[in-house]
């Protein structure tokens, strides 16, 4: 069903009537009745209904010639056939009658603006304006990282759909040091300063962790964003300037659980025989994206016996990784394709010998299988020597952002002190004192 609603600009009130005296004394200001100024334009917003076309909406407002001119101008920036139901079309009128322009939302970040000009219409791309702010949040793990962030009352001002982005950001930054699916313990805590771009409707477009601390079983891990070339290609480093990145990420699937570990003897769930399990199984829903754990080149892609659809990737320093039971491969990948760390290479399935959807992940070094959960992985490059002075200048204030958020232990201590102080101040005064004759000594 087609919906329509009107929008008008703000009302302007003018205070007039400044009176000057002949003798030059300070002026007196008198307030007259408010004068209401008409809005510069009236905006009518239509949402494209299911099965409705852009041309049909234009026909309600414009002549045939104008419709054709607008569609021609629109095609210079986009395809009207790609518009989906729910797309917003804003008609902008002046004097409440003359159509001045049309804004067509392509997505939340771009619109096509159609403007009437002498002899026809012209089109241009308009980017949704954003502003930048910093979100600070901290918490203690009581059940999981996910619930700790999602249920944080201090983040109630954020859009609900943006909260998972904060969880994902923490996971991505510390994924080389901590496997959040198996290593996080109750009592672990985190402190984060997160910079984001915010749209006018309050939703977040992009975001990045500026500084973060995660304390896992008493061991603190830090990550400070540093971009020496200011080109957006920076990375995260610890307080000593060492890269938090490793040559391999710890797991190829986000927020998955381990269903079977590396073992020299395991009873196969289908073959019912004891055989070595030279990898780690991650249980996940069918269709879950699978990521390459390191940069490399695909050397095998296709059916591989009991592993079903599988991919093998050769990496530097004699490493090979193998990913099995995929439902399908990511498009555009073949033998010889170069992939980057965290690039999606396929999707979880249960092809081959599998009792349910999961990923079988193997790591081979110099021809021998190694336990992916126990191997000592090489680290990434530290802050370049020529950038150390700039690193120190940037790191210290970003590290200081975390001090705005006291660790949970200190916060609990402060709360306890406040409660004790309030209890003392609210306690009724004692009628007996050491000097009272009624007080036993």
Protein backbone atom coordinates (compact mmCIF):
# COMPACT_ATOMS: atom_id res chain seq x y z
CA UNK A 1 0.00 0.00 0.00
CA UNK A 2 1.42 3.35 -1.01
CA UNK A 3 2.06 5.73 1.88
CA UNK A 4 2.34 9.50 1.72
CA UNK A 5 3.26 12.05 4.31
CA UNK A 6 4.12 15.74 4.27
CA UNK A 7 7.12 17.48 5.78
CA UNK A 8 7.61 21.18 6.34
CA UNK A 9 10.52 23.24 7.53
CA UNK A 10 10.77 24.92 10.97
CA UNK A 11 8.67 27.96 11.81
CA UNK A 12 10.62 31.19 12.22
CA UNK A 13 9.64 33.73 14.86
CA UNK A 14 10.96 37.30 14.65
CA UNK A 15 11.24 39.74 17.56
CA UNK A 16 11.15 43.34 16.25
CA UNK A 17 10.69 46.83 17.64
CA UNK A 18 13.98 48.30 18.88
CA UNK A 19 13.39 51.91 20.10
CA UNK A 20 16.23 54.46 20.41
CA UNK A 21 15.79 57.58 22.55
CA UNK A 22 16.78 60.98 21.31
CA UNK A 23 19.17 61.53 24.18
CA UNK A 24 21.32 58.59 23.29
CA UNK A 25 20.46 56.44 26.28
CA UNK A 26 20.73 52.62 25.93
CA UNK A 27 18.06 51.26 23.61
CA UNK A 28 14.98 49.57 24.96
CA UNK A 29 13.83 46.35 23.36
CA UNK A 30 10.14 45.63 22.91
CA UNK A 31 8.79 42.21 21.91
CA UNK A 32 6.11 42.27 19.25
CA UNK A 33 3.75 39.46 18.36
CA UNK A 34 5.58 36.54 16.68
CA UNK A 35 5.66 36.65 12.90
CA UNK A 36 5.39 33.22 11.29
CA UNK A 37 7.49 32.75 8.15
CA UNK A 38 6.32 30.20 5.63
CA UNK A 39 8.73 27.31 4.97
CA UNK A 40 10.93 27.64 1.91
CA UNK A 41 9.56 24.43 0.47
CA UNK A 42 7.12 21.63 1.15
CA UNK A 43 8.39 18.06 1.02
CA UNK A 44 6.14 15.12 0.27
CA UNK A 45 7.69 11.69 0.80
CA UNK A 46 6.42 8.58 -0.95
CA UNK A 47 7.56 5.03 -0.29
CA UNK A 48 7.63 2.72 -3.26
CA UNK A 49 5.08 -0.06 -2.76
CA UNK A 50 5.62 -3.69 -3.71
CA UNK A 51 5.27 -4.08 -7.48
CA UNK A 52 5.17 -0.32 -8.05
CA UNK A 53 7.64 1.39 -10.39
CA UNK A 54 9.35 4.75 -10.20
CA UNK A 55 7.61 5.75 -13.42
CA UNK A 56 4.18 5.05 -11.91
CA UNK A 57 4.93 7.33 -8.96
CA UNK A 58 6.13 10.08 -11.30
CA UNK A 59 2.91 9.83 -13.30
CA UNK A 60 0.97 10.99 -10.24
CA UNK A 61 2.86 14.29 -10.13
CA UNK A 62 4.17 15.18 -13.58
CA UNK A 63 3.33 15.54 -17.21
CA UNK A 64 4.45 12.90 -19.72
CA UNK A 65 7.30 15.06 -21.01
CA UNK A 66 8.60 15.75 -17.49
CA UNK A 67 8.41 12.04 -16.65
CA UNK A 68 10.60 11.14 -19.62
CA UNK A 69 13.11 13.92 -18.84
CA UNK A 70 13.37 12.82 -15.22
CA UNK A 71 13.86 9.14 -16.10
CA UNK A 72 16.56 10.10 -18.61
CA UNK A 73 18.36 12.21 -15.96
CA UNK A 74 17.95 9.47 -13.35
CA UNK A 75 19.57 6.84 -15.60
CA UNK A 76 22.77 8.92 -15.69
CA UNK A 77 23.28 8.02 -12.01
CA UNK A 78 21.31 4.81 -11.43
CA UNK A 79 18.88 2.22 -12.75
CA UNK A 80 15.20 2.85 -11.87
CA UNK A 81 14.53 -0.89 -12.35
CA UNK A 82 16.78 -1.67 -9.38
CA UNK A 83 14.62 0.34 -6.97
CA UNK A 84 13.00 -1.88 -4.35
CA UNK A 85 9.78 -1.55 -2.43
CA UNK A 86 10.23 0.78 0.53
CA UNK A 87 12.55 3.13 -1.39
CA UNK A 88 11.83 6.73 -0.40
CA UNK A 89 11.05 9.35 -3.05
CA UNK A 90 10.87 12.94 -1.77
CA UNK A 91 9.08 15.54 -3.90
CA UNK A 92 10.17 19.10 -3.08
CA UNK A 93 7.68 21.89 -3.85
CA UNK A 94 7.94 25.68 -3.71
CA UNK A 95 4.88 27.86 -3.24
CA UNK A 96 3.12 24.56 -2.44
CA UNK A 97 2.54 24.01 -6.15
CA UNK A 98 5.67 24.13 -8.29
CA UNK A 99 7.81 20.98 -8.21
CA UNK A 100 11.36 22.10 -7.56
CA UNK A 101 13.17 18.77 -7.31
CA UNK A 102 13.05 15.08 -6.38
CA UNK A 103 15.34 13.12 -4.04
CA UNK A 104 15.49 9.34 -4.51
CA UNK A 105 17.20 7.35 -1.74
CA UNK A 106 19.49 4.65 -3.16
CA UNK A 107 20.47 3.47 0.32
CA UNK A 108 21.10 5.01 3.73
CA UNK A 109 24.24 6.78 2.51
CA UNK A 110 23.45 7.96 -1.03
CA UNK A 111 20.59 9.62 -2.86
CA UNK A 112 20.03 10.80 -6.42
CA UNK A 113 18.91 14.43 -6.52
CA UNK A 114 16.87 15.46 -9.55
CA UNK A 115 16.66 19.23 -10.06
CA UNK A 116 14.58 21.23 -12.52
CA UNK A 117 16.76 23.39 -14.79
CA UNK A 118 15.90 25.50 -17.84
CA UNK A 119 14.95 23.09 -20.58
CA UNK A 120 14.66 19.92 -18.47
CA UNK A 121 16.10 18.09 -15.48
CA UNK A 122 19.59 17.25 -14.21
CA UNK A 123 20.76 14.64 -11.70
CA UNK A 124 23.55 14.34 -9.13
CA UNK A 125 24.63 12.03 -6.33
CA UNK A 126 24.14 13.38 -2.80
CA UNK A 127 25.98 11.73 0.09
CA UNK A 128 24.21 11.54 3.44
CA UNK A 129 26.07 13.88 5.82
CA UNK A 130 27.61 12.38 8.94
CA UNK A 131 29.25 13.66 12.09
CA UNK A 132 31.95 11.96 14.14
CA UNK A 133 31.77 11.17 17.84
CA UNK A 134 33.42 8.78 20.29
CA UNK A 135 31.57 6.11 22.28
CA UNK A 136 33.10 4.86 25.53
CA UNK A 137 32.01 1.56 27.02
CA UNK A 138 33.32 -0.93 29.56
CA UNK A 139 32.06 -4.07 31.16
CA UNK A 140 32.75 -7.30 32.98
CA UNK A 141 31.99 -10.71 31.50
CA UNK A 142 29.18 -12.35 33.45
CA UNK A 143 28.05 -14.82 30.79
CA UNK A 144 29.48 -13.82 27.40
CA UNK A 145 31.03 -10.86 25.62
CA UNK A 146 27.95 -10.63 23.42
CA UNK A 147 25.46 -10.25 26.27
CA UNK A 148 27.78 -7.94 28.20
CA UNK A 149 27.83 -5.42 25.34
CA UNK A 150 24.30 -5.89 24.03
CA UNK A 151 22.76 -5.52 27.51
CA UNK A 152 24.95 -2.58 28.58
CA UNK A 153 22.54 0.18 29.79
CA UNK A 154 25.24 2.76 29.08
CA UNK A 155 24.77 2.09 25.36
CA UNK A 156 21.01 2.65 25.32
CA UNK A 157 21.50 5.82 23.25
CA UNK A 158 22.81 3.75 20.31
CA UNK A 159 20.59 2.20 17.68
CA UNK A 160 19.96 -1.49 18.56
CA UNK A 161 21.22 -2.65 15.15
CA UNK A 162 24.57 -0.95 15.84
CA UNK A 163 25.37 -2.80 19.08
CA UNK A 164 26.52 -6.02 17.35
CA UNK A 165 29.04 -3.89 15.45
CA UNK A 166 30.75 -3.06 18.75
CA UNK A 167 30.99 -6.75 19.66
CA UNK A 168 32.37 -7.55 16.21
CA UNK A 169 34.91 -4.71 16.50
CA UNK A 170 36.25 -6.09 19.79
CA UNK A 171 36.42 -9.60 18.35
CA UNK A 172 38.25 -8.39 15.25
CA UNK A 173 40.84 -6.36 17.16
CA UNK A 174 41.75 -9.09 19.66
CA UNK A 175 41.14 -12.11 17.43
CA UNK A 176 44.88 -12.79 17.17
CA UNK A 177 45.32 -13.00 20.96
CA UNK A 178 41.96 -14.24 22.27
CA UNK A 179 39.46 -16.74 20.95
CA UNK A 180 36.24 -15.26 22.36
CA UNK A 181 34.36 -18.51 21.73
CA UNK A 182 36.48 -20.58 24.16
CA UNK A 183 39.00 -18.49 26.14
CA UNK A 184 36.85 -15.81 27.76
CA UNK A 185 36.24 -16.39 31.49
CA UNK A 186 33.80 -14.95 33.99
CA UNK A 187 35.35 -11.86 35.56
CA UNK A 188 37.25 -10.83 32.42
CA UNK A 189 36.63 -7.19 31.58
CA UNK A 190 37.14 -4.67 28.80
CA UNK A 191 37.42 -0.92 28.26
CA UNK A 192 36.92 0.61 24.80
CA UNK A 193 37.03 3.99 23.06
CA UNK A 194 35.20 3.65 19.76
CA UNK A 195 35.11 6.38 17.10
CA UNK A 196 32.14 6.33 14.73
CA UNK A 197 30.45 8.19 11.88
CA UNK A 198 26.80 8.94 12.65
CA UNK A 199 24.00 9.65 10.18
CA UNK A 200 21.34 12.30 10.87
CA UNK A 201 18.91 9.57 11.97
CA UNK A 202 21.35 8.45 14.70
CA UNK A 203 22.49 5.24 13.03
CA UNK A 204 26.16 4.45 12.54
CA UNK A 205 27.78 4.29 9.13
CA UNK A 206 31.37 3.36 9.95
CA UNK A 207 33.31 2.88 13.15
CA UNK A 208 36.73 1.98 14.47
CA UNK A 209 38.27 1.19 17.85
CA UNK A 210 40.75 3.91 18.80
CA UNK A 211 41.91 2.23 22.00
CA UNK A 212 40.88 -0.94 23.81
CA UNK A 213 41.91 -3.06 26.74
CA UNK A 214 40.77 -6.63 27.42
CA UNK A 215 41.85 -8.41 30.60
CA UNK A 216 41.66 -12.18 30.15
CA UNK A 217 42.27 -14.28 33.29
CA UNK A 218 44.32 -11.43 34.76
CA UNK A 219 46.40 -10.83 31.61
CA UNK A 220 45.82 -7.41 30.00
CA UNK A 221 45.83 -7.01 26.24
CA UNK A 222 45.90 -3.56 24.64
CA UNK A 223 45.23 -2.31 21.13
CA UNK A 224 45.86 1.26 19.95
CA UNK A 225 44.95 2.33 16.41
CA UNK A 226 47.85 3.93 14.54
CA UNK A 227 47.78 5.17 10.95
CA UNK A 228 51.15 6.87 10.29
CA UNK A 229 50.31 7.73 6.67
CA UNK A 230 46.75 8.92 7.43
CA UNK A 231 45.48 6.85 4.51
CA UNK A 232 43.11 4.57 6.41
CA UNK A 233 45.54 1.63 6.07
CA UNK A 234 46.74 1.69 9.66
CA UNK A 235 46.58 -1.11 12.21
CA UNK A 236 46.45 -1.83 15.96
CA UNK A 237 49.52 -2.08 18.16
CA UNK A 238 50.10 -2.85 21.84
CA UNK A 239 51.61 -0.32 24.26
CA UNK A 240 55.15 -1.28 23.21
CA UNK A 241 54.43 -0.71 19.53
CA UNK A 242 54.25 -4.42 18.65
CA UNK A 243 51.55 -5.42 16.18
CA UNK A 244 48.50 -7.13 17.67
CA UNK A 245 48.06 -8.84 14.33
CA UNK A 246 49.51 -12.27 13.65
CA UNK A 247 50.24 -14.01 10.40
CA UNK A 248 47.12 -16.12 11.15
CA UNK A 249 43.85 -15.32 12.90
CA UNK A 250 42.92 -17.88 15.55
CA UNK A 251 39.71 -19.10 13.93
CA UNK A 252 38.15 -18.99 10.47
CA UNK A 253 34.55 -18.42 11.69
CA UNK A 254 33.21 -15.66 13.95
CA UNK A 255 31.46 -16.59 17.20
CA UNK A 256 31.47 -20.33 16.63
CA UNK A 257 31.99 -23.15 19.10
CA UNK A 258 34.50 -25.98 18.83
CA UNK A 259 32.72 -29.29 18.38
CA UNK A 260 35.82 -31.47 17.97
CA UNK A 261 39.51 -30.86 18.68
CA UNK A 262 42.79 -32.00 17.17
CA UNK A 263 43.43 -35.59 18.25
CA UNK A 264 45.62 -38.56 17.37
CA UNK A 265 42.72 -40.93 18.00
CA UNK A 266 39.02 -40.13 17.73
CA UNK A 267 36.04 -42.35 16.93
CA UNK A 268 34.63 -41.12 13.65
CA UNK A 269 30.90 -40.32 14.07
CA UNK A 270 29.99 -41.91 10.70
CA UNK A 271 32.65 -44.57 10.02
CA UNK A 272 32.62 -45.68 13.69
CA UNK A 273 36.35 -46.33 13.61
CA UNK A 274 39.13 -44.80 15.67
CA UNK A 275 41.28 -42.59 13.51
CA UNK A 276 43.35 -39.41 13.85
CA UNK A 277 41.48 -36.13 13.69
CA UNK A 278 44.06 -33.78 12.20
CA UNK A 279 42.11 -30.59 12.57
CA UNK A 280 39.52 -28.62 14.53
CA UNK A 281 35.78 -28.71 13.86
CA UNK A 282 33.73 -25.53 14.32
CA UNK A 283 29.96 -26.00 14.64
CA UNK A 284 28.02 -23.27 12.82
CA UNK A 285 24.82 -22.77 10.88
CA UNK A 286 24.78 -23.62 7.19
CA UNK A 287 25.76 -20.59 5.14
CA UNK A 288 28.01 -19.05 7.81
CA UNK A 289 30.92 -17.24 6.07
CA UNK A 290 34.34 -18.92 6.28
CA UNK A 291 37.41 -16.67 6.27
CA UNK A 292 40.97 -17.36 5.15
CA UNK A 293 43.09 -17.30 8.29
CA UNK A 294 46.09 -15.75 6.49
CA UNK A 295 47.21 -14.29 3.19
CA UNK A 296 47.97 -16.94 0.60
CA UNK A 297 47.25 -18.62 -2.73
CA UNK A 298 44.59 -21.25 -3.36
CA UNK A 299 46.25 -24.52 -4.44
CA UNK A 300 43.17 -26.83 -4.35
CA UNK A 301 39.47 -26.15 -4.71
CA UNK A 302 36.75 -28.75 -5.18
CA UNK A 303 35.53 -32.14 -3.88
CA UNK A 304 38.03 -33.82 -1.56
CA UNK A 305 36.71 -37.23 -0.42
CA UNK A 306 35.30 -37.21 3.11
CA UNK A 307 35.95 -33.47 3.42
CA UNK A 308 33.40 -32.76 0.71
CA UNK A 309 33.82 -29.33 -0.87
CA UNK A 310 37.23 -28.13 0.34
CA UNK A 311 39.80 -25.43 -0.25
CA UNK A 312 43.55 -25.54 0.45
CA UNK A 313 45.61 -22.35 0.72
CA UNK A 314 49.41 -22.10 0.69
CA UNK A 315 50.89 -19.40 2.95
CA UNK A 316 54.35 -18.06 3.72
CA UNK A 317 56.85 -19.92 5.95
CA UNK A 318 55.75 -23.40 4.85
CA UNK A 319 52.13 -23.20 6.10
CA UNK A 320 49.08 -24.70 4.34
CA UNK A 321 45.51 -24.46 5.64
CA UNK A 322 42.61 -26.69 4.62
CA UNK A 323 38.86 -25.94 4.96
CA UNK A 324 36.30 -28.74 4.51
CA UNK A 325 32.56 -29.56 4.32
CA UNK A 326 31.71 -26.27 2.59
CA UNK A 327 28.22 -25.83 1.17
CA UNK A 328 29.64 -23.63 -1.58
CA UNK A 329 32.69 -21.57 -2.48
CA UNK A 330 32.86 -17.78 -2.62
CA UNK A 331 32.44 -16.48 -6.15
CA UNK A 332 35.46 -15.52 -8.20
CA UNK A 333 37.88 -17.90 -6.49
CA UNK A 334 39.77 -20.66 -8.30
CA UNK A 335 43.09 -22.47 -8.10
CA UNK A 336 45.79 -19.79 -8.30
CA UNK A 337 43.62 -17.03 -6.80
CA UNK A 338 45.35 -14.88 -4.19
CA UNK A 339 43.38 -14.33 -1.00
CA UNK A 340 43.88 -12.00 1.92
CA UNK A 341 43.55 -12.68 5.62
CA UNK A 342 39.86 -12.57 6.69
CA UNK A 343 38.63 -12.73 3.08
CA UNK A 344 35.51 -14.90 2.76
CA UNK A 345 36.40 -18.04 0.78
CA UNK A 346 33.24 -20.10 1.24
CA UNK A 347 30.29 -21.00 3.43
CA UNK A 348 29.62 -23.64 6.08
CA UNK A 349 27.84 -26.80 4.97
CA UNK A 350 27.85 -30.55 5.55
CA UNK A 351 29.20 -31.98 2.31
CA UNK A 352 31.29 -35.14 2.52
CA UNK A 353 31.22 -37.25 5.68
CA UNK A 354 29.44 -34.95 8.14
CA UNK A 355 26.58 -35.46 10.57
CA UNK A 356 25.71 -31.77 10.72
CA UNK A 357 26.81 -28.38 9.38
CA UNK A 358 30.30 -27.46 10.52
CA UNK A 359 33.74 -26.44 9.26
CA UNK A 360 36.71 -28.80 9.45
CA UNK A 361 39.89 -26.70 9.64
CA UNK A 362 43.43 -28.04 9.32
CA UNK A 363 46.87 -26.44 9.54
CA UNK A 364 49.94 -28.05 7.98
CA UNK A 365 53.50 -26.79 8.49
CA UNK A 366 56.34 -28.09 6.36
CA UNK A 367 54.27 -31.14 5.44
CA UNK A 368 53.20 -32.08 8.98
CA UNK A 369 49.81 -31.47 10.61
CA UNK A 370 49.89 -29.18 13.65
CA UNK A 371 47.19 -28.30 16.17
CA UNK A 372 45.71 -24.94 15.04
CA UNK A 373 44.83 -24.15 18.66
CA UNK A 374 48.36 -24.72 19.99
CA UNK A 375 50.77 -23.64 17.26
CA UNK A 376 52.95 -20.58 17.96
CA UNK A 377 52.05 -18.20 15.16
CA UNK A 378 54.43 -15.51 13.86
CA UNK A 379 53.47 -11.92 14.62
CA UNK A 380 52.98 -9.01 12.28
CA UNK A 381 55.34 -6.09 11.74
CA UNK A 382 55.82 -3.60 14.62
CA UNK A 383 55.58 0.18 14.32
CA UNK A 384 58.25 1.20 11.78
CA UNK A 385 61.36 2.72 13.37
CA UNK A 386 60.92 5.93 11.39
CA UNK A 387 57.39 6.33 12.81
CA UNK A 388 58.18 5.74 16.50
CA UNK A 389 58.14 9.43 17.44
CA UNK A 390 54.70 9.88 15.85
CA UNK A 391 53.54 6.64 17.51
CA UNK A 392 54.48 7.94 20.97
CA UNK A 393 52.69 11.22 20.27
CA UNK A 394 49.49 9.42 19.23
CA UNK A 395 49.59 6.47 21.62
CA UNK A 396 49.70 8.35 24.92
CA UNK A 397 46.48 10.39 24.53
CA UNK A 398 44.62 7.42 23.05
CA UNK A 399 45.74 5.23 25.93
CA UNK A 400 44.52 7.97 28.28
CA UNK A 401 41.01 7.66 26.79
CA UNK A 402 40.68 4.32 28.58
CA UNK A 403 41.36 5.97 31.93
CA UNK A 404 37.99 7.69 31.57
CA UNK A 405 36.56 4.23 32.24
CA UNK A 406 37.75 2.76 35.56
CA UNK A 407 38.14 -1.03 35.63
CA UNK A 408 35.07 -2.84 37.01
CA UNK A 409 36.88 -3.71 40.24
CA UNK A 410 37.55 -0.05 40.98
CA UNK A 411 34.00 0.86 39.98
CA UNK A 412 32.57 -1.72 42.39
CA UNK A 413 34.87 -0.44 45.14
CA UNK A 414 33.75 3.14 44.48
CA UNK A 415 30.09 2.07 44.53
CA UNK A 416 30.61 0.24 47.81
CA UNK A 417 32.28 3.31 49.30
CA UNK A 418 29.37 5.48 48.17
CA UNK A 419 26.85 3.10 49.73
CA UNK A 420 28.78 3.02 52.99
CA UNK A 421 29.05 6.80 53.00
CA UNK A 422 25.33 7.21 52.36
CA UNK A 423 24.50 4.71 55.10
CA UNK A 424 26.69 6.62 57.56
CA UNK A 425 25.21 9.99 56.65
CA UNK A 426 21.63 8.68 56.86
CA UNK A 427 22.08 6.83 60.20
CA UNK A 428 20.19 8.48 63.10
CA UNK A 429 22.45 10.12 65.69
CA UNK A 430 23.06 8.08 68.83
CA UNK A 431 21.39 9.38 71.98
CA UNK A 432 24.11 7.92 74.14
CA UNK A 433 27.67 9.11 74.08
CA UNK A 434 30.69 8.28 76.22
CA UNK A 435 30.03 11.39 78.28
CA UNK A 436 26.36 10.57 78.90
CA UNK A 437 25.59 9.62 82.46
CA UNK A 438 23.23 6.91 81.20
CA UNK A 439 25.95 5.23 79.14
CA UNK A 440 27.64 2.33 80.89
CA UNK A 441 31.40 2.53 81.03
